[in-house]
């Protein structure tokens, strides 16, 4: 797993843009969002992220990204992998809409 750059930063979590390599065919690459916890996250916060991921795994809805993988390893921060979307998340989209509206008040999105 290669984590080239951080996309978003929350209270106790972070989201990165990563590249997932297929062990059987290293030429196959899949771009993913990688959700993980910060170094200072408590055990409760880690458990909350993993519980949320377990509840969402297998859920299919047109407005939700499906969870591809959940990675846990003793002594390491857990990672939740989701398909990468170039336009980012809803928060970033709404922020961009607000900025576009502020720069051009005649345009209504």
C-alpha atoms as a PDB file:
ATOM      1  CA  UNK A   1       0.000   0.000   0.000  1.00  0.00           C
ATOM      2  CA  UNK A   2       1.364   3.356  -1.020  1.00  0.00           C
ATOM      3  CA  UNK A   3      -0.060   6.455   0.743  1.00  0.00           C
ATOM      4  CA  UNK A   4       1.144   9.379  -1.389  1.00  0.00           C
ATOM      5  CA  UNK A   5      -0.776  12.243   0.187  1.00  0.00           C
ATOM      6  CA  UNK A   6      -3.370  13.115   2.763  1.00  0.00           C
ATOM      7  CA  UNK A   7      -6.731  14.331   1.458  1.00  0.00           C
ATOM      8  CA  UNK A   8      -8.714  15.088   4.596  1.00  0.00           C
ATOM      9  CA  UNK A   9      -8.138  15.496   8.310  1.00  0.00           C
ATOM     10  CA  UNK A  10     -10.806  14.992  10.977  1.00  0.00           C
ATOM     11  CA  UNK A  11     -10.976  15.033  14.750  1.00  0.00           C
ATOM     12  CA  UNK A  12      -9.436  11.591  15.179  1.00  0.00           C
ATOM     13  CA  UNK A  13      -9.151  10.281  11.624  1.00  0.00           C
ATOM     14  CA  UNK A  14      -7.421  10.944   8.333  1.00  0.00           C
ATOM     15  CA  UNK A  15      -8.165  10.077   4.737  1.00  0.00           C
ATOM     16  CA  UNK A  16      -5.430   9.432   2.192  1.00  0.00           C
ATOM     17  CA  UNK A  17      -5.349   8.779  -1.527  1.00  0.00           C
ATOM     18  CA  UNK A  18      -3.635   5.428  -1.912  1.00  0.00           C
ATOM     19  CA  UNK A  19      -2.814   2.809  -4.507  1.00  0.00           C
ATOM     20  CA  UNK A  20      -3.725  -0.815  -3.793  1.00  0.00           C
ATOM     21  CA  UNK A  21      -1.581  -3.403  -5.550  1.00  0.00           C
ATOM     22  CA  UNK A  22      -2.790  -6.908  -6.361  1.00  0.00           C
ATOM     23  CA  UNK A  23      -0.441  -9.477  -4.749  1.00  0.00           C
ATOM     24  CA  UNK A  24      -1.011 -11.935  -7.602  1.00  0.00           C
ATOM     25  CA  UNK A  25      -0.560  -9.333 -10.339  1.00  0.00           C
ATOM     26  CA  UNK A  26       1.503  -6.306  -9.189  1.00  0.00           C
ATOM     27  CA  UNK A  27       0.758  -4.603 -12.515  1.00  0.00           C
ATOM     28  CA  UNK A  28      -2.862  -4.251 -11.423  1.00  0.00           C
ATOM     29  CA  UNK A  29      -3.343  -1.062  -9.452  1.00  0.00           C
ATOM     30  CA  UNK A  30      -6.512   0.290  -7.903  1.00  0.00           C
ATOM     31  CA  UNK A  31      -6.804   3.842  -6.613  1.00  0.00           C
ATOM     32  CA  UNK A  32      -8.476   3.976  -3.210  1.00  0.00           C
ATOM     33  CA  UNK A  33      -9.374   6.249  -0.330  1.00  0.00           C
ATOM     34  CA  UNK A  34      -7.690   5.012   2.844  1.00  0.00           C
ATOM     35  CA  UNK A  35      -9.437   5.971   6.067  1.00  0.00           C
ATOM     36  CA  UNK A  36      -7.399   5.541   9.230  1.00  0.00           C
ATOM     37  CA  UNK A  37      -6.990   7.042  12.697  1.00  0.00           C
ATOM     38  CA  UNK A  38      -4.487   9.595  13.944  1.00  0.00           C
ATOM     39  CA  UNK A  39      -1.641   8.589  16.231  1.00  0.00           C
ATOM     40  CA  UNK A  40      -3.379  10.085  19.269  1.00  0.00           C
ATOM     41  CA  UNK A  41      -6.736   8.335  18.640  1.00  0.00           C
ATOM     42  CA  UNK A  42      -8.084   6.526  21.684  1.00  0.00           C
ATOM     43  CA  UNK A  43      -9.079   2.866  21.745  1.00  0.00           C
ATOM     44  CA  UNK A  44     -12.730   4.006  21.832  1.00  0.00           C
ATOM     45  CA  UNK A  45     -12.234   6.048  18.652  1.00  0.00           C
ATOM     46  CA  UNK A  46     -10.492   3.143  16.911  1.00  0.00           C
ATOM     47  CA  UNK A  47     -13.339   0.837  17.949  1.00  0.00           C
ATOM     48  CA  UNK A  48     -15.907   3.360  16.672  1.00  0.00           C
ATOM     49  CA  UNK A  49     -14.234   3.499  13.247  1.00  0.00           C
ATOM     50  CA  UNK A  50     -14.046  -0.289  12.998  1.00  0.00           C
ATOM     51  CA  UNK A  51     -17.645  -0.736  14.207  1.00  0.00           C
ATOM     52  CA  UNK A  52     -18.881   1.785  11.640  1.00  0.00           C
ATOM     53  CA  UNK A  53     -16.911   0.000   8.918  1.00  0.00           C
ATOM     54  CA  UNK A  54     -18.331  -3.388   9.877  1.00  0.00           C
ATOM     55  CA  UNK A  55     -21.879  -2.014   9.761  1.00  0.00           C
ATOM     56  CA  UNK A  56     -21.310  -0.438   6.337  1.00  0.00           C
ATOM     57  CA  UNK A  57     -19.458  -3.396   4.787  1.00  0.00           C
ATOM     58  CA  UNK A  58     -21.691  -5.099   2.268  1.00  0.00           C
ATOM     59  CA  UNK A  59     -24.175  -2.222   2.223  1.00  0.00           C
ATOM     60  CA  UNK A  60     -25.044  -1.095  -1.291  1.00  0.00           C
ATOM     61  CA  UNK A  61     -26.544   2.339  -1.856  1.00  0.00           C
ATOM     62  CA  UNK A  62     -26.102   4.726  -4.758  1.00  0.00           C
ATOM     63  CA  UNK A  63     -25.034   7.547  -2.421  1.00  0.00           C
ATOM     64  CA  UNK A  64     -22.436   5.576  -0.442  1.00  0.00           C
ATOM     65  CA  UNK A  65     -19.030   4.312  -1.438  1.00  0.00           C
ATOM     66  CA  UNK A  66     -18.762   0.585  -0.791  1.00  0.00           C
ATOM     67  CA  UNK A  67     -16.056  -0.603   1.577  1.00  0.00           C
ATOM     68  CA  UNK A  68     -13.495  -2.614  -0.386  1.00  0.00           C
ATOM     69  CA  UNK A  69     -11.301  -3.865   2.440  1.00  0.00           C
ATOM     70  CA  UNK A  70     -10.688  -3.420   6.150  1.00  0.00           C
ATOM     71  CA  UNK A  71      -7.084  -3.962   7.205  1.00  0.00           C
ATOM     72  CA  UNK A  72      -6.111  -4.691  10.786  1.00  0.00           C
ATOM     73  CA  UNK A  73      -2.778  -5.864  12.088  1.00  0.00           C
ATOM     74  CA  UNK A  74      -1.595  -6.081  15.692  1.00  0.00           C
ATOM     75  CA  UNK A  75       0.308  -2.940  16.622  1.00  0.00           C
ATOM     76  CA  UNK A  76      -0.724  -1.051  13.465  1.00  0.00           C
ATOM     77  CA  UNK A  77      -3.446   1.529  12.858  1.00  0.00           C
ATOM     78  CA  UNK A  78      -6.509   0.017  11.156  1.00  0.00           C
ATOM     79  CA  UNK A  79      -7.256   1.055   7.580  1.00  0.00           C
ATOM     80  CA  UNK A  80     -10.559   1.092   5.721  1.00  0.00           C
ATOM     81  CA  UNK A  81     -10.285   1.112   1.917  1.00  0.00           C
ATOM     82  CA  UNK A  82     -12.939   2.635  -0.330  1.00  0.00           C
ATOM     83  CA  UNK A  83     -12.997   3.263  -4.096  1.00  0.00           C
ATOM     84  CA  UNK A  84     -11.284   6.511  -5.033  1.00  0.00           C
ATOM     85  CA  UNK A  85     -13.456   9.284  -6.466  1.00  0.00           C
ATOM     86  CA  UNK A  86     -11.564  12.130  -8.111  1.00  0.00           C
ATOM     87  CA  UNK A  87     -14.039  14.763  -6.918  1.00  0.00           C
ATOM     88  CA  UNK A  88     -13.484  13.817  -3.269  1.00  0.00           C
ATOM     89  CA  UNK A  89     -16.153  13.674  -0.586  1.00  0.00           C
ATOM     90  CA  UNK A  90     -19.420  15.525  -0.033  1.00  0.00           C
ATOM     91  CA  UNK A  91     -17.813  18.038   2.342  1.00  0.00           C
ATOM     92  CA  UNK A  92     -15.219  19.045  -0.274  1.00  0.00           C
ATOM     93  CA  UNK A  93     -17.875  19.219  -3.002  1.00  0.00           C
ATOM     94  CA  UNK A  94     -20.097  21.522  -0.950  1.00  0.00           C
ATOM     95  CA  UNK A  95     -17.124  23.696  -0.013  1.00  0.00           C
ATOM     96  CA  UNK A  96     -16.221  24.064  -3.704  1.00  0.00           C
ATOM     97  CA  UNK A  97     -19.840  24.970  -4.541  1.00  0.00           C
ATOM     98  CA  UNK A  98     -19.833  27.607  -1.801  1.00  0.00           C
ATOM     99  CA  UNK A  99     -16.565  29.072  -3.101  1.00  0.00           C
ATOM    100  CA  UNK A 100     -17.910  29.125  -6.669  1.00  0.00           C
ATOM    101  CA  UNK A 101     -21.047  30.920  -5.476  1.00  0.00           C
ATOM    102  CA  UNK A 102     -19.013  33.451  -3.472  1.00  0.00           C
ATOM    103  CA  UNK A 103     -16.810  34.201  -6.493  1.00  0.00           C
ATOM    104  CA  UNK A 104     -19.834  34.610  -8.770  1.00  0.00           C
ATOM    105  CA  UNK A 105     -22.981  35.521  -6.778  1.00  0.00           C
ATOM    106  CA  UNK A 106     -25.136  35.457  -9.935  1.00  0.00           C
ATOM    107  CA  UNK A 107     -24.581  31.716 -10.383  1.00  0.00           C
ATOM    108  CA  UNK A 108     -26.802  29.498  -8.262  1.00  0.00           C
ATOM    109  CA  UNK A 109     -25.757  25.879  -7.876  1.00  0.00           C
END
